[in-house]
Each structure stands twice: as C-alpha cells, then as structure tokens.
Protein backbone atom coordinates (compact mmCIF):
# COMPACT_ATOMS: atom_id res chain seq x y z
CA MET A 1 18.08 18.10 32.69
CA ASN A 2 19.60 20.11 29.82
CA SER A 3 17.93 23.05 28.11
CA SER A 4 16.72 21.21 25.00
CA ALA A 5 15.23 18.40 27.06
CA THR A 6 13.48 20.95 29.24
CA ASP A 7 12.01 22.65 26.15
CA VAL A 8 10.74 19.32 24.79
CA ALA A 9 9.15 18.42 28.14
CA GLN A 10 7.49 21.82 28.41
CA TYR A 11 6.19 21.55 24.84
CA ARG A 12 4.68 18.14 25.56
CA ALA A 13 3.13 19.40 28.77
CA GLU A 14 1.50 22.31 26.95
CA GLU A 15 0.38 20.27 23.90
CA PRO A 16 -3.36 19.64 24.49
CA SER A 17 -4.62 16.12 24.65
CA ALA A 18 -6.90 15.13 21.74
CA ASN A 19 -8.71 12.39 23.64
CA TRP A 20 -11.84 14.28 24.73
CA ALA A 21 -12.37 16.38 21.59
CA GLY A 22 -11.49 13.44 19.36
CA THR A 23 -14.38 11.41 20.77
CA SER A 24 -16.92 14.21 21.29
CA PRO A 25 -19.92 14.24 18.90
CA MET A 26 -19.64 18.05 18.92
CA THR A 27 -16.45 17.79 16.87
CA THR A 28 -16.91 14.44 15.09
CA GLY A 29 -20.65 13.91 14.54
CA PRO A 30 -22.57 14.85 11.37
CA VAL A 31 -23.28 18.59 11.40
CA LEU A 32 -27.07 18.72 10.97
CA PRO A 33 -27.99 15.81 13.30
CA THR A 34 -25.60 17.15 15.95
CA PHE A 35 -27.08 20.65 15.67
CA LEU A 36 -30.66 19.36 15.80
CA ARG A 37 -29.91 17.20 18.83
CA PHE A 38 -28.58 20.18 20.76
CA VAL A 39 -31.03 22.78 19.52
CA GLY A 40 -34.05 20.54 20.09
CA ALA A 41 -33.22 20.12 23.75
CA SER A 42 -32.38 23.81 24.07
CA VAL A 43 -35.62 25.00 22.47
CA VAL A 44 -37.71 22.66 24.62
CA GLY A 45 -35.99 23.81 27.81
CA LEU A 46 -36.05 27.55 27.21
CA LEU A 47 -39.54 27.58 25.73
CA ALA A 48 -40.60 25.67 28.83
CA LEU A 49 -39.27 28.58 30.86
CA SER A 50 -41.12 31.13 28.75
CA SER A 51 -44.30 29.06 28.85
CA ALA A 52 -44.20 29.16 32.65
CA ALA A 53 -43.89 32.96 32.55
CA ILE A 54 -46.74 33.17 30.04
CA VAL A 55 -48.99 30.95 32.14
CA ASP A 56 -48.12 33.13 35.13
CA GLY A 57 -49.25 36.15 33.16
CA VAL A 58 -52.40 34.51 31.81
CA VAL A 59 -53.53 33.30 35.22
CA VAL A 60 -52.64 36.54 37.02
CA GLY A 61 -54.24 38.69 34.32
CA LYS A 62 -57.47 36.70 34.14
CA MET A 63 -57.88 35.85 37.83
CA LEU A 64 -56.43 38.90 39.61
CA GLY A 65 -56.91 41.68 37.05
CA PRO A 66 -54.71 44.16 35.18
CA GLU A 67 -53.41 45.78 38.40
CA ALA A 68 -51.82 42.50 39.53
CA LEU A 69 -50.46 41.87 36.03
CA ALA A 70 -48.94 45.37 35.96
CA ALA A 71 -47.44 44.78 39.42
CA VAL A 72 -45.73 41.59 38.27
CA ASN A 73 -44.37 43.20 35.12
CA LEU A 74 -43.00 46.25 36.92
CA LEU A 75 -40.57 43.93 38.76
CA ILE A 76 -39.22 42.38 35.57
CA PRO A 77 -36.30 44.86 35.10
CA PHE A 78 -34.87 43.96 38.53
CA PHE A 79 -34.90 40.21 37.96
CA THR A 80 -33.68 40.71 34.41
CA PHE A 81 -30.56 42.34 35.84
CA LEU A 82 -29.95 39.36 38.15
CA PHE A 83 -30.45 36.87 35.35
CA GLY A 84 -28.09 38.89 33.13
CA VAL A 85 -25.24 38.69 35.65
CA ALA A 86 -25.77 34.94 36.05
CA LEU A 87 -25.81 34.49 32.26
CA MET A 88 -22.60 36.48 31.87
CA LEU A 89 -20.77 34.32 34.39
CA ALA A 90 -22.30 31.04 33.18
CA ILE A 91 -21.92 31.58 29.44
CA GLY A 92 -18.51 33.23 29.72
CA GLY A 93 -17.24 30.38 31.87
CA SER A 94 -18.82 27.69 29.69
CA VAL A 95 -17.29 29.18 26.52
CA GLU A 96 -13.88 29.07 28.19
CA ALA A 97 -14.53 25.52 29.42
CA GLY A 98 -15.73 24.44 25.97
CA HIS A 99 -12.60 25.86 24.38
CA GLN A 100 -10.39 24.08 26.91
CA LEU A 101 -12.26 20.78 26.54
CA GLY A 102 -12.07 21.09 22.76
CA ALA A 103 -8.29 21.38 23.16
CA GLY A 104 -8.19 18.48 25.64
CA ARG A 105 -7.47 20.47 28.84
CA ALA A 106 -10.12 19.20 31.27
CA ASP A 107 -8.37 20.61 34.37
CA LEU A 108 -8.60 24.19 33.06
CA ALA A 109 -12.23 23.60 32.04
CA SER A 110 -13.02 22.46 35.59
CA ALA A 111 -11.39 25.57 37.02
CA ALA A 112 -13.61 27.75 34.80
CA PHE A 113 -16.69 25.92 36.12
CA VAL A 114 -15.80 26.39 39.80
CA ARG A 115 -14.95 30.06 39.28
CA SER A 116 -18.33 30.74 37.67
CA LEU A 117 -20.24 28.84 40.35
CA GLY A 118 -18.45 30.59 43.22
CA ALA A 119 -18.97 34.06 41.74
CA VAL A 120 -22.70 33.43 41.25
CA LEU A 121 -23.12 32.20 44.83
CA VAL A 122 -21.49 35.36 46.23
CA PHE A 123 -23.56 37.61 43.97
CA ALA A 124 -26.83 35.87 44.89
CA ALA A 125 -26.14 36.22 48.61
CA LEU A 126 -25.43 39.94 48.22
CA ILE A 127 -28.63 40.49 46.23
CA VAL A 128 -30.81 38.82 48.83
CA GLY A 129 -29.34 41.01 51.57
CA VAL A 130 -29.69 44.21 49.55
CA GLY A 131 -33.21 43.29 48.46
CA PHE A 132 -34.53 42.86 51.99
CA ALA A 133 -32.64 45.87 53.38
CA PHE A 134 -33.55 48.38 50.65
CA THR A 135 -36.94 47.23 49.38
CA HIS A 136 -38.58 50.65 49.25
CA THR A 137 -35.63 52.20 47.43
CA LEU A 138 -35.68 49.43 44.84
CA LEU A 139 -39.41 49.85 44.30
CA ASP A 140 -38.85 53.59 43.81
CA TRP A 141 -36.24 52.87 41.13
CA LEU A 142 -38.64 50.44 39.46
CA ALA A 143 -41.35 53.14 39.32
CA VAL A 144 -43.87 51.04 41.25
CA PRO A 145 -46.80 53.33 42.18
CA GLU A 146 -47.64 53.68 45.87
CA ALA A 147 -51.10 52.25 45.25
CA LEU A 148 -49.59 48.99 43.99
CA ARG A 149 -46.93 48.55 46.69
CA PRO A 150 -49.10 46.58 49.15
CA LEU A 151 -49.56 44.11 46.29
CA VAL A 152 -45.95 44.16 45.06
CA ALA A 153 -43.92 44.02 48.30
CA PRO A 154 -45.01 40.55 49.59
CA TYR A 155 -44.60 39.11 46.09
CA PHE A 156 -41.11 40.63 45.89
CA TYR A 157 -39.99 39.24 49.28
CA ILE A 158 -40.96 35.69 48.34
CA LEU A 159 -39.18 35.87 44.99
CA LEU A 160 -36.01 37.10 46.70
CA LEU A 161 -35.80 33.79 48.55
CA GLY A 162 -35.55 32.02 45.20
CA VAL A 163 -32.63 34.07 43.89
CA PRO A 164 -29.78 31.74 45.08
CA PRO A 165 -31.20 28.49 43.64
CA GLN A 166 -32.32 30.27 40.48
CA LEU A 167 -28.91 31.80 39.70
CA VAL A 168 -26.91 28.69 40.61
CA ALA A 169 -29.24 26.69 38.37
CA VAL A 170 -28.26 28.95 35.45
CA VAL A 171 -24.59 28.01 35.89
CA LEU A 172 -25.36 24.30 36.23
CA TYR A 173 -27.60 24.41 33.15
CA TYR A 174 -24.98 25.90 30.85
CA PHE A 175 -22.10 23.75 32.06
CA LEU A 176 -24.19 20.59 31.89
CA ARG A 177 -25.06 21.44 28.28
CA MET A 178 -21.48 22.34 27.47
CA SER A 179 -20.21 18.99 28.78
CA GLY A 180 -22.42 17.14 26.31
CA HIS A 181 -25.73 16.55 28.14
CA PRO A 182 -28.28 19.02 26.71
CA ALA A 183 -31.24 16.68 27.19
CA SER A 184 -30.56 16.30 30.91
CA ALA A 185 -30.33 20.08 31.35
CA SER A 186 -33.53 20.71 29.40
CA ARG A 187 -35.47 18.05 31.33
CA ALA A 188 -34.72 19.91 34.55
CA LEU A 189 -36.05 23.18 33.12
CA LEU A 190 -39.11 21.40 31.76
CA ALA A 191 -39.88 19.81 35.12
CA GLY A 192 -39.59 23.13 36.97
CA ALA A 193 -41.78 24.89 34.41
CA ALA A 194 -44.42 22.15 34.69
CA VAL A 195 -44.46 22.49 38.48
CA ASN A 196 -44.86 26.27 38.18
CA ILE A 197 -47.75 25.97 35.72
CA VAL A 198 -49.61 23.32 37.73
CA LEU A 199 -49.25 25.24 41.00
CA ASP A 200 -50.39 28.49 39.36
CA VAL A 201 -53.54 26.83 38.10
CA VAL A 202 -54.25 24.99 41.35
CA LEU A 203 -53.55 27.90 43.72
CA LEU A 204 -54.96 30.81 41.71
CA VAL A 205 -57.73 29.17 39.71
CA GLY A 206 -58.67 26.33 42.05
CA PHE A 207 -58.19 27.88 45.48
CA LYS A 208 -58.50 31.51 44.26
CA LEU A 209 -55.55 32.72 46.34
CA ASP A 210 -53.78 36.06 45.87
CA LEU A 211 -50.55 37.10 44.16
CA ARG A 212 -48.39 35.63 46.93
CA ALA A 213 -49.46 32.14 45.84
CA ALA A 214 -47.99 32.79 42.38
CA ALA A 215 -44.70 33.79 44.02
CA TRP A 216 -44.59 30.59 46.12
CA ALA A 217 -45.26 28.54 42.98
CA THR A 218 -42.32 30.23 41.24
CA LEU A 219 -40.04 29.68 44.24
CA LEU A 220 -40.85 25.97 44.47
CA ALA A 221 -40.26 25.55 40.73
CA GLN A 222 -36.84 27.21 41.03
CA VAL A 223 -35.81 24.92 43.87
CA ILE A 224 -36.88 21.84 41.89
CA GLN A 225 -34.95 23.01 38.81
CA PHE A 226 -31.84 23.58 40.91
CA ALA A 227 -32.07 20.14 42.56
CA LEU A 228 -32.58 18.33 39.25
CA LEU A 229 -29.73 20.18 37.54
CA LEU A 230 -27.37 19.46 40.44
CA PHE A 231 -28.34 15.79 40.40
CA GLY A 232 -27.92 15.60 36.63
CA PHE A 233 -24.58 17.37 36.75
CA CYS A 234 -23.17 15.07 39.42
CA ARG A 235 -24.47 11.92 37.75
CA ALA A 236 -24.16 12.50 34.02
CA GLN A 237 -21.05 14.46 33.18
CA ARG A 238 -17.49 13.15 33.49
CA ALA A 239 -15.44 15.86 31.84
CA LEU A 240 -15.58 18.40 34.71
CA THR A 241 -14.60 17.98 38.36
CA TRP A 242 -15.10 20.08 41.49
CA ARG A 243 -11.59 21.48 41.25
CA LEU A 244 -10.68 23.77 44.20
CA ARG A 245 -6.98 24.33 43.52
CA GLY A 246 -5.36 26.50 40.90
CA LEU A 247 -8.57 28.38 40.16
CA LYS A 248 -6.81 31.62 39.09
CA TRP A 249 -9.64 33.95 40.04
CA LYS A 250 -8.11 36.73 37.95
CA ARG A 251 -9.29 34.81 34.88
CA LEU A 252 -12.89 35.32 35.98
CA LEU A 253 -12.91 38.80 34.42
CA ASN A 254 -11.55 37.52 31.10
CA ASN A 255 -14.09 34.69 31.07
CA SER A 256 -16.90 37.10 31.88
CA LEU A 257 -16.03 39.22 28.85
CA ASN A 258 -17.05 36.28 26.66
CA GLY A 259 -20.47 36.35 28.32
CA PHE A 260 -20.73 40.12 28.48
CA SER A 261 -22.93 40.31 25.40
CA GLU A 262 -25.54 38.14 27.14
CA PHE A 263 -25.37 40.41 30.20
CA VAL A 264 -25.83 43.40 27.91
CA ASN A 265 -28.84 41.70 26.31
CA GLU A 266 -30.53 41.15 29.67
CA ILE A 267 -29.73 44.40 31.48
CA SER A 268 -30.46 46.45 28.37
CA ALA A 269 -33.82 44.73 27.90
CA GLY A 270 -34.62 45.58 31.50
CA LEU A 271 -33.69 49.24 31.08
CA VAL A 272 -35.64 49.59 27.84
CA LEU A 273 -38.63 47.88 29.45
CA LEU A 274 -38.40 50.29 32.37
CA ALA A 275 -38.39 53.26 29.97
CA ILE A 276 -41.38 51.84 28.10
CA HIS A 277 -43.23 51.34 31.39
CA TRP A 278 -42.64 54.98 32.28
CA LEU A 279 -43.98 56.15 28.92
CA LEU A 280 -46.95 53.77 28.97
CA THR A 281 -47.87 54.84 32.49
CA ARG A 282 -47.94 58.46 31.38
CA ALA A 283 -49.87 57.76 28.18
CA ASP A 284 -52.22 54.89 29.05
CA GLY A 285 -51.93 54.24 32.81
CA VAL A 286 -52.02 50.79 34.38
CA HIS A 287 -54.02 49.37 31.46
CA GLY A 288 -51.25 50.38 29.06
CA VAL A 289 -48.65 48.53 31.16
CA ALA A 290 -50.93 45.48 31.40
CA GLY A 291 -51.65 45.54 27.67
CA PHE A 292 -47.97 45.71 26.83
CA ALA A 293 -47.41 42.74 29.16
CA LEU A 294 -49.18 40.55 26.61
CA ILE A 295 -46.88 41.89 23.87
CA ASN A 296 -43.89 41.34 26.12
CA TYR A 297 -44.82 37.67 26.61
CA SER A 298 -44.90 37.16 22.86
CA LEU A 299 -41.52 38.88 22.53
CA LEU A 300 -40.25 36.61 25.31
CA VAL A 301 -41.16 33.53 23.25
CA ASN A 302 -39.33 35.01 20.26
CA VAL A 303 -36.23 35.87 22.29
CA MET A 304 -36.21 32.46 23.97
CA LEU A 305 -36.29 30.76 20.58
CA GLY A 306 -33.41 32.93 19.41
CA CYS A 307 -31.44 32.40 22.63
CA ALA A 308 -32.00 28.64 22.48
CA VAL A 309 -30.44 28.53 19.01
CA ALA A 310 -27.74 31.08 19.89
CA GLU A 311 -26.54 29.19 22.96
CA VAL A 312 -26.16 26.05 20.83
CA VAL A 313 -24.21 28.01 18.23
CA HIS A 314 -21.71 29.41 20.73
CA VAL A 315 -21.20 26.02 22.40
CA LEU A 316 -20.61 24.17 19.12
CA VAL A 317 -18.55 26.97 17.62
CA SER A 318 -16.29 27.25 20.70
CA HIS A 319 -15.65 23.48 20.70
CA ASN A 320 -14.90 23.29 17.00
CA ARG A 321 -12.78 26.42 16.96
CA GLY A 322 -10.81 25.03 19.90
CA ALA A 323 -10.32 21.86 17.86
CA GLY A 324 -9.25 23.86 14.78
CA LEU A 325 -12.33 22.89 12.74
CA SER A 326 -13.40 26.23 11.28
CA GLY A 327 -15.43 24.63 8.48
CA ARG A 328 -17.68 22.84 10.96
CA ALA A 329 -18.03 26.05 12.98
CA LEU A 330 -19.29 27.89 9.89
CA ALA A 331 -21.71 25.06 9.13
CA PHE A 332 -23.19 25.30 12.62
CA ARG A 333 -23.63 29.05 12.17
CA ARG A 334 -25.58 28.46 8.94
CA CYS A 335 -27.81 25.94 10.71
CA GLY A 336 -28.50 28.46 13.44
CA LEU A 337 -29.40 31.24 11.01
CA TRP A 338 -31.82 29.10 9.02
CA THR A 339 -33.50 27.95 12.23
CA VAL A 340 -34.15 31.44 13.60
CA VAL A 341 -35.26 32.82 10.23
CA LEU A 342 -37.87 30.09 9.80
CA GLY A 343 -38.98 30.32 13.43
CA GLY A 344 -39.27 34.11 13.28
CA ALA A 345 -41.33 33.95 10.09
CA ALA A 346 -43.72 31.46 11.73
CA LEU A 347 -44.18 33.72 14.78
CA TYR A 348 -44.70 36.76 12.53
CA GLY A 349 -47.49 34.92 10.75
CA LEU A 350 -49.10 33.87 14.03
CA VAL A 351 -49.10 37.47 15.27
CA HIS A 352 -51.00 38.67 12.22
CA LEU A 353 -53.51 35.83 12.41
CA GLY A 354 -54.08 35.68 16.16
CA ALA A 355 -53.52 39.16 17.63
CA GLU A 356 -57.19 40.12 17.84
CA PRO A 357 -58.62 36.91 19.39
CA VAL A 358 -55.67 36.49 21.76
CA SER A 359 -56.09 40.04 23.10
CA ARG A 360 -59.80 39.47 23.74
CA TRP A 361 -59.23 36.09 25.39
CA PHE A 362 -56.30 37.16 27.57
CA PHE A 363 -58.13 39.90 29.47
CA ALA A 364 -61.44 39.64 31.32
CA GLU A 365 -64.53 41.60 30.27
CA ASP A 366 -63.83 44.36 32.80
CA SER A 367 -60.30 44.86 31.38
CA ARG A 368 -61.24 46.10 27.92
CA GLY A 369 -58.78 49.00 28.21
CA ALA A 370 -55.86 46.62 28.48
CA ALA A 371 -57.17 44.51 25.58
CA GLU A 372 -57.56 47.58 23.37
CA ALA A 373 -54.01 48.71 24.19
CA ALA A 374 -52.65 45.28 23.27
CA ARG A 375 -54.48 45.32 19.91
CA THR A 376 -52.89 48.68 19.14
CA PHE A 377 -49.38 47.46 19.98
CA TRP A 378 -49.38 44.17 17.99
CA PRO A 379 -48.80 45.50 14.45
CA VAL A 380 -46.07 47.86 15.66
CA VAL A 381 -43.87 45.19 17.22
CA ALA A 382 -44.52 42.45 14.62
CA PRO A 383 -41.34 43.12 12.52
CA VAL A 384 -39.22 42.32 15.60
CA PHE A 385 -40.03 38.63 15.14
CA LEU A 386 -38.24 38.59 11.77
CA LEU A 387 -35.01 40.23 13.00
CA THR A 388 -34.20 39.30 16.59
CA GLY A 389 -33.07 35.72 15.99
CA ALA A 390 -30.45 36.61 13.38
CA ASN A 391 -28.94 39.26 15.64
CA LEU A 392 -28.74 36.81 18.56
CA VAL A 393 -27.06 34.16 16.39
CA PHE A 394 -24.47 36.62 15.07
CA SER A 395 -23.75 37.74 18.64
CA ALA A 396 -23.32 34.10 19.70
CA TRP A 397 -21.05 33.46 16.72
CA PHE A 398 -18.63 36.14 17.85
CA THR A 399 -18.89 34.90 21.44
CA GLY A 400 -17.90 31.41 20.31
CA LEU A 401 -14.95 32.88 18.40
CA GLN A 402 -13.88 34.65 21.61
CA ARG A 403 -14.37 38.08 20.04
CA PRO A 404 -16.26 39.66 22.92
CA LEU A 405 -16.08 43.22 21.56
CA CYS A 406 -18.05 42.45 18.38
CA SER A 407 -20.52 40.33 20.33
CA ALA A 408 -21.03 42.98 22.99
CA LEU A 409 -21.49 45.79 20.43
CA ILE A 410 -24.17 43.80 18.61
CA SER A 411 -25.96 43.08 21.88
CA LEU A 412 -25.59 46.63 23.14
CA SER A 413 -26.93 48.07 19.90
CA ARG A 414 -30.05 45.91 19.64
CA SER A 415 -31.03 45.90 23.28
CA LEU A 416 -30.01 49.29 24.70
CA VAL A 417 -28.39 52.02 22.61
CA LEU A 418 -30.60 51.96 19.55
CA PRO A 419 -33.95 51.33 21.31
CA LEU A 420 -33.32 54.18 23.75
CA ALA A 421 -32.05 56.43 20.95
CA PHE A 422 -35.14 55.82 18.83
CA LEU A 423 -37.40 56.22 21.88
CA PHE A 424 -35.79 59.58 22.61
CA VAL A 425 -36.07 60.78 19.02
CA ILE A 426 -39.70 59.70 18.55
CA VAL A 427 -40.89 61.10 21.90
CA SER A 428 -38.85 64.31 21.99
CA ALA A 429 -39.54 65.19 18.35
CA GLY A 430 -43.25 64.53 18.80
CA LEU A 431 -43.38 62.27 15.76
CA SER A 432 -46.74 60.87 14.72
CA VAL A 433 -45.55 57.23 14.91
CA HIS A 434 -45.94 55.20 18.11
CA PHE A 435 -42.82 55.12 20.28
CA LEU A 436 -42.85 51.29 20.22
CA TRP A 437 -41.54 51.53 16.64
CA SER A 438 -38.18 52.02 18.36
CA LEU A 439 -38.00 48.22 18.87
CA PRO A 440 -38.14 47.01 15.22
CA LEU A 441 -36.00 49.95 14.06
CA ALA A 442 -33.29 48.99 16.59
CA GLU A 443 -33.27 45.36 15.41
CA ALA A 444 -33.04 46.37 11.74
CA PHE A 445 -30.09 48.72 12.25
CA THR A 446 -28.34 46.15 14.47
CA LEU A 447 -28.59 43.54 11.73
CA LEU A 448 -26.77 45.92 9.38
CA LEU A 449 -24.06 46.37 12.03
CA ALA A 450 -23.70 42.60 12.51
CA LEU A 451 -23.30 42.05 8.77
CA ALA A 452 -20.62 44.75 8.68
CA PHE A 453 -18.71 43.04 11.53
CA LEU A 454 -19.04 39.72 9.74
CA SER A 455 -17.51 41.06 6.54
CA LEU A 456 -14.64 42.69 8.45
CA ASN A 457 -13.85 39.55 10.46
CA ASN A 458 -14.10 36.94 7.70
CA ALA A 459 -10.53 37.53 6.57
CA SER A 460 -9.09 36.97 10.03
CA LEU A 461 -10.95 33.83 11.08
CA SER A 462 -8.60 31.12 9.82
CA PRO A 463 -7.62 29.10 12.90
CA ARG A 464 -4.24 27.93 14.08
CA PRO A 465 -5.19 24.30 14.51
CA ASN A 466 -3.92 21.87 17.08
CA SER A 467 -2.01 19.48 14.81
CA ALA A 468 -2.31 16.51 17.16
CA LEU A 469 -6.04 17.00 17.53
CA ARG A 470 -6.67 17.44 13.81
CA ALA A 471 -4.65 14.30 13.09
CA THR A 472 -6.76 12.35 15.57
CA LEU A 473 -10.02 13.57 14.01
CA CYS A 474 -8.82 12.84 10.47
CA ASN A 475 -7.75 9.34 11.45
CA LYS A 476 -11.15 8.68 13.04
CA ARG A 477 -12.92 9.71 9.83
CA LYS A 478 -10.61 7.56 7.67
CA ILE A 479 -11.33 4.57 9.91
CA LYS A 480 -15.06 5.19 9.59
C-alpha cells in the first residue's frame, strides 16, 4: 500500500463514527425537556440518598440520644474521603466515556469504564484491610473521644463491610447515567434508600435496638443498591462493553483529573467538618457536635441538590462538546444555573421559616443543649443555600469542558482553602462573629473566582467540531 493510501486509511480509521451521537437524545433532543428528564432522575436519586442519611440522624438522635448522634457524625470525614475517591474515578471516567461516545468511539468509552471499575475495586479492598487493622489509629485521627469508642467501634466495623459494594455502586451509577439511562440508576438509589429508612424505623423504633442495628440497615441498603445497579447496567445499556483488552491503564490518571474537583469537594468537606468538630467540641462539647449534625443534614440536602444538577450538566456538556455542539452545551449550563438558584432560594426560605420548630422536634426533651446549639447555628449558615449550587454547576461546566484545573480550583476554594482560611482568621483573631461564618464567606468568594474563570475562558471555548458528526445531526434536523 502506498503512502497516500495509508494516510487515507489512517484518517478514516481515526474519524469518529457519528452513529451513536447522531441518535442520542443528549445531542439531538430539545434542550429543556432533555435537561429536565436527566435532572429529575438525578434529583430523585441523590435526594433519596440524603433522605436516608437524614432519617438515620433523626432516628438515632431521637431514640439513642445526642451521644450516639455525635458518634455517627464523627465518622463522616472518613467515609467522605472514600466516597470522594470513588467519585473522582467514576466521574472522571464517565466524562471521558461521554466524550468518546459523543465522538462515536464506543471501544474507548468501554475501556474508560473498565479502568474506573477496576481501580475502585482495588481501592475498596485496601480500605477494608486498613480499616480493620488500624481501627484505633483511625479513631484517633477522627478525634473520637475515648468515652464514645465503645459505641463507635462496632458501628465502624459493620460499615467497613459495606465499602466494596458502596464504592462499586458509585461507578455503576455514573456510567449507567452517562450511557443514557438516568431513571434506571436513580431507581436503584431510591430502592436502597427506602430499605435503609424502613429498617432504621423497624429496628431502632420498633425493636429499640442499639447503634449497630443502624449500621446493619445501612449495609443491607448498600448491597441492594449495588445489585440493582449491576442488574440495570447489564440489562439496559448497549453502548459499553466489559472490554478487557487495550485498557491503557496510564490513562487512568488523566481521566481522574477530570473528576479531581469532585474528589476535592468530598475530601475538603471532610477536613473542614473535622476542624469544625474540633472547635465545637472545645466550645460546646458533645451537644455542640450533635446540634451541628442537624445543620449538616440540611447542608447535605442543599449539596445533593446542587450535585444532582451539576452531574447532569457535566454529562450533557461533555457529550455535546464531543459532538461539536457548543451552543447546546451553553444552553444546558443555563438550565443548570436557573435550577440551582431557584432550589437554593426555596431552601433558604424554608430555613428561616422552620429552623425553630425543626430544632425542637429533632431532639428529645433531655437534649435541650443540642437543640439550643442548632437554633444558634441556623441563621449563620443560611446564606450557604443561595451560593453552593452555582459554584457546583460552574465546577461541573469546566469538568465537562475537560478543563480540570479551573474545576479543581473552584472546588478547592469553596470546600477547603477558603473555609479553613476564614476559620483560622476568625478563631485566631478572636473576632466577635461565630466561626461558622467561614462557610458562607467561602462560598461567596468562590463564586467571584468562578465568574472570573468564566470570563477568561469564554474566548477560548469555540470547539473544533467533528464535521461528519455535525453533518449527521444537521441532516437529522432537516429531515424532522
């Protein structure tokens, strides 16, 4: 074969197929209905997860007291770290897979899926081993008081058993959504959350068992979620295959960079929460930690709403950017911003209307100290509800554009650097404001940073479209 023929053959081999992207509703469907279809399933699924955590907290706080509630919350930074690693691998891999599917390269998308799944399995196995071998060291790092350790240790051991199915389920969830089946993925989360809630009520309220029962309920829910996601993945999606050859493991690092902002969000939230726990323990004791737990559950709902919208934005943006459809990508970003702004405003209003009665209802009569602490914290953290969603959407926008540096800096600023900086300044300077003001201040300054990145990147966002793919999409619209 001569040189020119070889060049033509190589060009044709590298030219992406338009078949998948040309028929995908993510790149051809009407913008608003497509966005609402994806975001509706995402919000239902992730709010189902947060509702399970909230019910856990309500039942534990009311039935077992503030000590048990504090014990549960002191473990959150550890499991936040695990979830952050799984999110980094799952989202980074799914962004890569979405880009490849948008360009018609299903084999490379399948390789990204298998790389992410394999890495999470190895990580989960290592964590289980380390957790059982170094329990006391981990509890020291988490600042768990000696008096609470007989309560915390059995709970911790049971939850460790659920780490492998939980982390693998994260990968399956994001890839199932990315391949066009958000409803199937969200149904699995909803079913697991429902099982967790029902078992919590039955075991703790009905049978009046101890904290270990709550851990077993969580473990069973995680196993059910994993099984349903695996079943849905194997049955529903056709774009990805269990590809074991040509995986190119070196690409795992590059893929992970696209999900690094989500890892930063999770690990930073855990570190900031750990710092807040230290300060609350010194200032208000166990009741301060328990009172802040109620605030933390409300912040969890807010973050889950923002994450549900953000994950839809990065999936739709990555597909449309891969297809060369920058106008649609911008439209999906606008939909995401309007959604989180309206949702945040609604939550802000609910906080002002319901803070007092919720605090009284959440804690039993003998836990008035925790209820009083919660009432003090509500007005301080309320502005966070107006700001978090926009920052998460902007971070997801840059993730979908495969600009991991901008995305990571936004995430790092809002969830680690600025909160810790403001905590340090307020506490060390002895300012008269409460140190929890560090949270809304961090979100506000991060939003300014995100807007600056947006203005700097707007000039360089014009895509280099796949001509074959754009022609296919244009022809489809003309036919319609």
